[in-house]
C-alpha atoms as a PDB file:
ATOM      1  CA  MET A   1      48.378 -17.131  15.840  1.00  0.00           C
ATOM      2  CA  LYS A   2      50.175 -19.401  18.831  1.00  0.00           C
ATOM      3  CA  SER A   3      47.185 -21.300  20.517  1.00  0.00           C
ATOM      4  CA  TYR A   4      48.167 -21.496  24.215  1.00  0.00           C
ATOM      5  CA  LYS A   5      47.020 -24.103  26.237  1.00  0.00           C
ATOM      6  CA  THR A   6      46.617 -22.173  29.688  1.00  0.00           C
ATOM      7  CA  PRO A   7      45.808 -18.498  30.417  1.00  0.00           C
ATOM      8  CA  GLN A   8      48.693 -17.684  32.455  1.00  0.00           C
ATOM      9  CA  GLU A   9      51.179 -19.301  29.123  1.00  0.00           C
ATOM     10  CA  TYR A  10      49.365 -16.497  27.251  1.00  0.00           C
ATOM     11  CA  PHE A  11      49.727 -13.790  29.857  1.00  0.00           C
ATOM     12  CA  ASP A  12      53.519 -15.079  30.411  1.00  0.00           C
ATOM     13  CA  SER A  13      54.051 -14.539  26.581  1.00  0.00           C
ATOM     14  CA  LEU A  14      53.202 -11.344  26.205  1.00  0.00           C
ATOM     15  CA  ILE A  15      55.363  -8.518  25.844  1.00  0.00           C
ATOM     16  CA  LEU A  16      53.233  -5.318  23.857  1.00  0.00           C
ATOM     17  CA  TRP A  17      50.062  -4.155  25.958  1.00  0.00           C
ATOM     18  CA  ARG A  18      51.094  -6.881  28.733  1.00  0.00           C
ATOM     19  CA  GLU A  19      50.202  -4.023  31.633  1.00  0.00           C
ATOM     20  CA  GLU A  20      46.668  -3.527  29.920  1.00  0.00           C
ATOM     21  CA  VAL A  21      45.870  -6.978  29.503  1.00  0.00           C
ATOM     22  CA  LEU A  22      46.952  -8.355  33.025  1.00  0.00           C
ATOM     23  CA  LEU A  23      44.661  -4.846  34.590  1.00  0.00           C
ATOM     24  CA  LEU A  24      41.866  -6.384  32.225  1.00  0.00           C
ATOM     25  CA  ARG A  25      42.573 -10.224  33.374  1.00  0.00           C
ATOM     26  CA  LYS A  26      41.911  -8.606  37.351  1.00  0.00           C
ATOM     27  CA  ILE A  27      38.976  -6.790  36.900  1.00  0.00           C
ATOM     28  CA  THR A  28      37.476  -9.680  35.308  1.00  0.00           C
ATOM     29  CA  VAL A  29      38.299 -12.157  37.809  1.00  0.00           C
ATOM     30  CA  ASP A  30      37.342  -9.751  40.497  1.00  0.00           C
ATOM     31  CA  ALA A  31      33.764  -9.604  38.789  1.00  0.00           C
ATOM     32  CA  GLY A  32      33.465 -13.315  39.811  1.00  0.00           C
ATOM     33  CA  LEU A  33      34.139 -14.812  35.868  1.00  0.00           C
ATOM     34  CA  GLU A  34      35.948 -18.461  35.746  1.00  0.00           C
ATOM     35  CA  GLU A  35      39.117 -17.992  33.777  1.00  0.00           C
ATOM     36  CA  THR A  36      39.606 -20.301  31.072  1.00  0.00           C
ATOM     37  CA  ILE A  37      41.355 -20.668  27.336  1.00  0.00           C
ATOM     38  CA  LYS A  38      39.112 -20.991  24.383  1.00  0.00           C
ATOM     39  CA  TRP A  39      40.547 -20.426  20.759  1.00  0.00           C
ATOM     40  CA  GLY A  40      44.105 -20.355  22.277  1.00  0.00           C
ATOM     41  CA  GLY A  41      43.194 -17.171  24.196  1.00  0.00           C
ATOM     42  CA  PRO A  42      41.857 -16.221  27.699  1.00  0.00           C
ATOM     43  CA  CYS A  43      38.251 -16.250  27.713  1.00  0.00           C
ATOM     44  CA  TYR A  44      35.706 -15.553  31.020  1.00  0.00           C
ATOM     45  CA  ILE A  45      32.922 -17.731  31.536  1.00  0.00           C
ATOM     46  CA  TRP A  46      29.738 -17.552  33.623  1.00  0.00           C
ATOM     47  CA  GLY A  47      28.564 -21.114  33.955  1.00  0.00           C
ATOM     48  CA  LYS A  48      28.726 -22.242  30.601  1.00  0.00           C
ATOM     49  CA  GLU A  49      28.486 -18.960  29.228  1.00  0.00           C
ATOM     50  CA  ASN A  50      31.198 -17.575  27.235  1.00  0.00           C
ATOM     51  CA  VAL A  51      31.388 -13.806  28.797  1.00  0.00           C
ATOM     52  CA  VAL A  52      34.409 -11.819  28.062  1.00  0.00           C
ATOM     53  CA  GLY A  53      37.434 -12.755  26.190  1.00  0.00           C
ATOM     54  CA  LEU A  54      41.023 -10.550  26.453  1.00  0.00           C
ATOM     55  CA  ALA A  55      43.755 -10.332  23.713  1.00  0.00           C
ATOM     56  CA  ALA A  56      46.531  -7.908  22.945  1.00  0.00           C
ATOM     57  CA  PHE A  57      46.714  -6.996  19.433  1.00  0.00           C
ATOM     58  CA  LYS A  58      49.397  -4.877  17.380  1.00  0.00           C
ATOM     59  CA  SER A  59      47.892  -1.311  17.793  1.00  0.00           C
ATOM     60  CA  TYR A  60      45.669  -1.857  21.037  1.00  0.00           C
ATOM     61  CA  ALA A  61      44.522  -4.302  23.931  1.00  0.00           C
ATOM     62  CA  GLY A  62      41.260  -5.412  24.043  1.00  0.00           C
ATOM     63  CA  ILE A  63      38.300  -6.652  25.883  1.00  0.00           C
ATOM     64  CA  TRP A  64      35.137  -8.257  23.825  1.00  0.00           C
ATOM     65  CA  PHE A  65      31.864  -9.042  25.216  1.00  0.00           C
ATOM     66  CA  TYR A  66      30.317 -12.259  23.553  1.00  0.00           C
ATOM     67  CA  GLN A  67      26.820 -10.642  23.988  1.00  0.00           C
ATOM     68  CA  GLY A  68      28.106  -6.684  24.044  1.00  0.00           C
ATOM     69  CA  ALA A  69      25.099  -6.050  21.569  1.00  0.00           C
ATOM     70  CA  LEU A  70      22.683  -6.189  24.321  1.00  0.00           C
ATOM     71  CA  LEU A  71      24.508  -4.218  26.828  1.00  0.00           C
ATOM     72  CA  LYS A  72      22.809  -0.764  27.603  1.00  0.00           C
ATOM     73  CA  ASP A  73      26.485   1.256  26.575  1.00  0.00           C
ATOM     74  CA  GLU A  74      25.386   4.153  27.963  1.00  0.00           C
ATOM     75  CA  LYS A  75      28.832   5.194  28.274  1.00  0.00           C
ATOM     76  CA  ASN A  76      29.697   4.436  24.452  1.00  0.00           C
ATOM     77  CA  LEU A  77      32.386   2.427  25.174  1.00  0.00           C
ATOM     78  CA  LEU A  78      31.512  -0.468  22.915  1.00  0.00           C
ATOM     79  CA  ILE A  79      32.511  -0.756  19.555  1.00  0.00           C
ATOM     80  CA  ASN A  80      31.505  -3.166  16.493  1.00  0.00           C
ATOM     81  CA  ALA A  81      34.687  -4.195  14.754  1.00  0.00           C
ATOM     82  CA  ASN A  82      32.909  -5.717  12.103  1.00  0.00           C
ATOM     83  CA  GLU A  83      29.433  -4.365  11.156  1.00  0.00           C
ATOM     84  CA  LYS A  84      28.694  -6.615   8.538  1.00  0.00           C
ATOM     85  CA  ASN A  85      29.259  -9.856  10.045  1.00  0.00           C
ATOM     86  CA  THR A  86      29.312  -9.148  13.750  1.00  0.00           C
ATOM     87  CA  LYS A  87      25.956  -9.267  15.443  1.00  0.00           C
ATOM     88  CA  ALA A  88      26.481 -10.140  19.603  1.00  0.00           C
ATOM     89  CA  LEU A  89      30.290  -9.298  20.077  1.00  0.00           C
ATOM     90  CA  ARG A  90      31.175  -6.008  21.145  1.00  0.00           C
ATOM     91  CA  GLN A  91      34.523  -4.710  21.998  1.00  0.00           C
ATOM     92  CA  MET A  92      36.411  -2.218  23.873  1.00  0.00           C
ATOM     93  CA  ARG A  93      40.140  -1.572  23.041  1.00  0.00           C
ATOM     94  CA  PHE A  94      42.400   0.524  25.003  1.00  0.00           C
ATOM     95  CA  SER A  95      46.341   1.958  23.797  1.00  0.00           C
ATOM     96  CA  ASN A  96      47.801   2.758  27.495  1.00  0.00           C
ATOM     97  CA  VAL A  97      46.667   1.376  30.634  1.00  0.00           C
ATOM     98  CA  GLU A  98      45.275   5.114  31.817  1.00  0.00           C
ATOM     99  CA  GLU A  99      42.377   4.683  29.380  1.00  0.00           C
ATOM    100  CA  ILE A 100      41.204   1.421  31.318  1.00  0.00           C
ATOM    101  CA  SER A 101      38.397   2.354  34.141  1.00  0.00           C
ATOM    102  CA  CYS A 102      37.844  -0.466  36.617  1.00  0.00           C
ATOM    103  CA  ALA A 103      34.282   0.430  37.170  1.00  0.00           C
ATOM    104  CA  PRO A 104      32.326   1.319  33.908  1.00  0.00           C
ATOM    105  CA  ILE A 105      33.974  -2.416  32.749  1.00  0.00           C
ATOM    106  CA  SER A 106      33.015  -4.157  35.828  1.00  0.00           C
ATOM    107  CA  GLU A 107      29.396  -2.700  35.680  1.00  0.00           C
ATOM    108  CA  TYR A 108      29.120  -4.098  31.619  1.00  0.00           C
ATOM    109  CA  ILE A 109      30.559  -7.462  33.018  1.00  0.00           C
ATOM    110  CA  TYR A 110      27.793  -7.506  35.629  1.00  0.00           C
ATOM    111  CA  GLU A 111      25.468  -6.427  33.025  1.00  0.00           C
ATOM    112  CA  SER A 112      26.163  -9.391  30.824  1.00  0.00           C
ATOM    113  CA  ILE A 113      25.864 -11.931  33.690  1.00  0.00           C
ATOM    114  CA  GLU A 114      22.465 -10.548  34.354  1.00  0.00           C
ATOM    115  CA  ASN A 115      21.254 -10.509  30.703  1.00  0.00           C
ATOM    116  CA  PHE A 116      22.304 -14.343  30.855  1.00  0.00           C
ATOM    117  CA  LYS A 117      20.446 -15.277  34.277  1.00  0.00           C
ATOM    118  CA  LEU A 118      17.251 -13.654  32.207  1.00  0.00           C
ATOM    119  CA  GLY A 119      18.199 -15.901  29.135  1.00  0.00           C
ATOM    120  CA  SER A 120      18.600 -12.700  26.819  1.00  0.00           C
ATOM    121  CA  LYS A 121      20.870 -14.074  24.137  1.00  0.00           C
ATOM    122  CA  ILE A 122      21.750 -13.452  20.320  1.00  0.00           C
ATOM    123  CA  LYS A 123      21.654 -16.300  18.773  1.00  0.00           C
ATOM    124  CA  PRO A 124      23.252 -16.920  15.526  1.00  0.00           C
ATOM    125  CA  ASN A 125      21.198 -16.776  11.893  1.00  0.00           C
ATOM    126  CA  LEU A 126      21.484 -20.193  10.895  1.00  0.00           C
ATOM    127  CA  GLN A 127      18.796 -19.531   8.140  1.00  0.00           C
ATOM    128  CA  LYS A 128      20.586 -17.201   5.832  1.00  0.00           C
ATOM    129  CA  PRO A 129      20.619 -18.898   2.217  1.00  0.00           C
ATOM    130  CA  LEU A 130      23.334 -20.180   0.881  1.00  0.00           C
ATOM    131  CA  ILE A 131      24.332 -18.530  -1.866  1.00  0.00           C
ATOM    132  CA  ILE A 132      27.462 -20.085  -4.160  1.00  0.00           C
ATOM    133  CA  PRO A 133      29.476 -18.334  -5.910  1.00  0.00           C
ATOM    134  CA  GLN A 134      29.204 -18.935  -9.515  1.00  0.00           C
ATOM    135  CA  MET A 135      32.687 -19.564 -10.031  1.00  0.00           C
ATOM    136  CA  LEU A 136      32.531 -22.617  -7.688  1.00  0.00           C
ATOM    137  CA  THR A 137      29.464 -23.710  -8.919  1.00  0.00           C
ATOM    138  CA  ASP A 138      30.911 -23.806 -12.275  1.00  0.00           C
ATOM    139  CA  VAL A 139      33.705 -26.130 -10.803  1.00  0.00           C
ATOM    140  CA  LEU A 140      30.840 -28.148  -8.953  1.00  0.00           C
ATOM    141  CA  LYS A 141      29.340 -29.103 -12.455  1.00  0.00           C
ATOM    142  CA  ASN A 142      32.012 -29.777 -14.231  1.00  0.00           C
ATOM    143  CA  ARG A 143      33.459 -32.064 -11.504  1.00  0.00           C
ATOM    144  CA  GLY A 144      30.975 -35.029 -10.138  1.00  0.00           C
ATOM    145  CA  ASP A 145      33.369 -36.689  -7.918  1.00  0.00           C
ATOM    146  CA  LEU A 146      33.671 -32.873  -6.160  1.00  0.00           C
ATOM    147  CA  ASN A 147      30.126 -32.232  -6.294  1.00  0.00           C
ATOM    148  CA  GLU A 148      29.357 -35.685  -4.468  1.00  0.00           C
ATOM    149  CA  LYS A 149      31.639 -34.459  -1.731  1.00  0.00           C
ATOM    150  CA  TRP A 150      30.136 -30.792  -1.800  1.00  0.00           C
ATOM    151  CA  ASN A 151      26.656 -32.187  -1.429  1.00  0.00           C
ATOM    152  CA  ASN A 152      27.930 -34.261   1.641  1.00  0.00           C
ATOM    153  CA  LEU A 153      29.185 -31.381   3.592  1.00  0.00           C
ATOM    154  CA  SER A 154      26.998 -29.339   6.024  1.00  0.00           C
ATOM    155  CA  LEU A 155      25.527 -26.328   5.621  1.00  0.00           C
ATOM    156  CA  SER A 156      27.664 -24.445   7.436  1.00  0.00           C
ATOM    157  CA  CYS A 157      30.639 -25.941   5.852  1.00  0.00           C
ATOM    158  CA  LYS A 158      29.179 -25.216   2.228  1.00  0.00           C
ATOM    159  CA  ARG A 159      28.662 -21.338   3.559  1.00  0.00           C
ATOM    160  CA  GLU A 160      32.150 -21.301   4.675  1.00  0.00           C
ATOM    161  CA  TYR A 161      33.289 -21.917   1.357  1.00  0.00           C
ATOM    162  CA  ALA A 162      31.127 -19.945  -0.065  1.00  0.00           C
ATOM    163  CA  GLU A 163      31.954 -16.739   1.640  1.00  0.00           C
ATOM    164  CA  TYR A 164      35.496 -17.539   1.577  1.00  0.00           C
ATOM    165  CA  ILE A 165      35.323 -17.352  -2.147  1.00  0.00           C
ATOM    166  CA  GLU A 166      32.889 -14.515  -2.383  1.00  0.00           C
ATOM    167  CA  GLU A 167      35.036 -12.239  -0.277  1.00  0.00           C
ATOM    168  CA  ALA A 168      37.927 -12.660  -2.806  1.00  0.00           C
ATOM    169  CA  LYS A 169      37.923  -9.046  -4.961  1.00  0.00           C
ATOM    170  CA  ARG A 170      39.923 -10.373  -7.755  1.00  0.00           C
ATOM    171  CA  GLU A 171      38.778 -12.935 -10.004  1.00  0.00           C
ATOM    172  CA  GLU A 172      42.385 -14.627  -9.571  1.00  0.00           C
ATOM    173  CA  THR A 173      42.321 -14.841  -6.084  1.00  0.00           C
ATOM    174  CA  LYS A 174      38.870 -16.672  -6.629  1.00  0.00           C
ATOM    175  CA  LEU A 175      40.417 -19.126  -8.597  1.00  0.00           C
ATOM    176  CA  SER A 176      43.484 -19.689  -6.642  1.00  0.00           C
ATOM    177  CA  ARG A 177      40.946 -19.991  -3.369  1.00  0.00           C
ATOM    178  CA  ILE A 178      38.979 -22.522  -5.071  1.00  0.00           C
ATOM    179  CA  GLU A 179      42.049 -24.767  -6.161  1.00  0.00           C
ATOM    180  CA  LYS A 180      42.943 -24.200  -2.739  1.00  0.00           C
ATOM    181  CA  ILE A 181      40.022 -25.638  -0.978  1.00  0.00           C
ATOM    182  CA  ILE A 182      39.470 -28.728  -3.619  1.00  0.00           C
ATOM    183  CA  PRO A 183      41.582 -30.974  -1.940  1.00  0.00           C
ATOM    184  CA  MET A 184      39.782 -29.863   1.460  1.00  0.00           C
ATOM    185  CA  ILE A 185      36.427 -30.782  -0.062  1.00  0.00           C
ATOM    186  CA  LEU A 186      37.301 -34.100  -1.298  1.00  0.00           C
ATOM    187  CA  SER A 187      38.867 -34.995   1.837  1.00  0.00           C
ATOM    188  CA  THR A 188      34.990 -33.639   3.320  1.00  0.00           C
ATOM    189  CA  LYS A 189      36.899 -31.048   5.612  1.00  0.00           C
ATOM    190  CA  GLY A 190      35.186 -27.597   6.869  1.00  0.00           C
ATOM    191  CA  LEU A 191      37.374 -24.735   5.496  1.00  0.00           C
ATOM    192  CA  ASN A 192      38.300 -23.719   9.428  1.00  0.00           C
ATOM    193  CA  ASP A 193      38.145 -27.374  10.605  1.00  0.00           C
ATOM    194  CA  LYS A 194      42.150 -27.271  11.574  1.00  0.00           C
ATOM    195  CA  TYR A 195      40.887 -24.779  14.440  1.00  0.00           C
ATOM    196  CA  LYS A 196      38.158 -26.549  15.632  1.00  0.00           C
ATOM    197  CA  ARG A 197      38.728 -28.692  18.885  1.00  0.00           C
END
C-alpha cells in the first residue's frame, strides 16, 4: 500500500470508491474532527485521540471507529472484521454512495467523542503470555548469536515474530518465515519496524 503524506494526496489518488470516501470525509469533518494522516491514510482525531479512519478497499469503502466496541450500535451498523484479534476497532462498509447515511454516522462519531470525554477506552492486553512456536524455539537453542539478540528484543517484538510464525498453516511456510526473520532478529529489528515512524 502506498503511503501518503497528506489526506488530500490520498483523496486525489482515489479512483475506485472516490465518491463514497469523499462523502465519509465530509461527514467526519462536519462532525468537528481534525483531519490528519496516520499509517499512510486519512485519520480523524479529537484532541490526541484517533476517532475514525477512512479507506477505499477493493470491494468496499469503509470508515472504522478506533473505539467502536464501546459504541451502543443500536442500528447494528458496525462489524468486527477480525473477531480473533480485534478488540476495540469496528467498521462500516459501503458498496455504493446511496448506502451512506450521514445521520447515523455522525451519531456514532459524537458518541465516540463523548466516550473519550468520559475516559472510556479499550486498552490493548499487554499481559497476554508470549508463546514461542516450537520451530522457532529450536532455532534459537541451536544459534547462540540469534538467541542473544532475541533476548534483547522487547516483548512486543518477540510477540510479533512468534505470531507471524504461528499464523502460517504449513510447516514449509513456517520454516521460510523463520529464515526470513533471522537477519531481522540479528539486526535487533522488529517485524514491523519499517512501517513504524
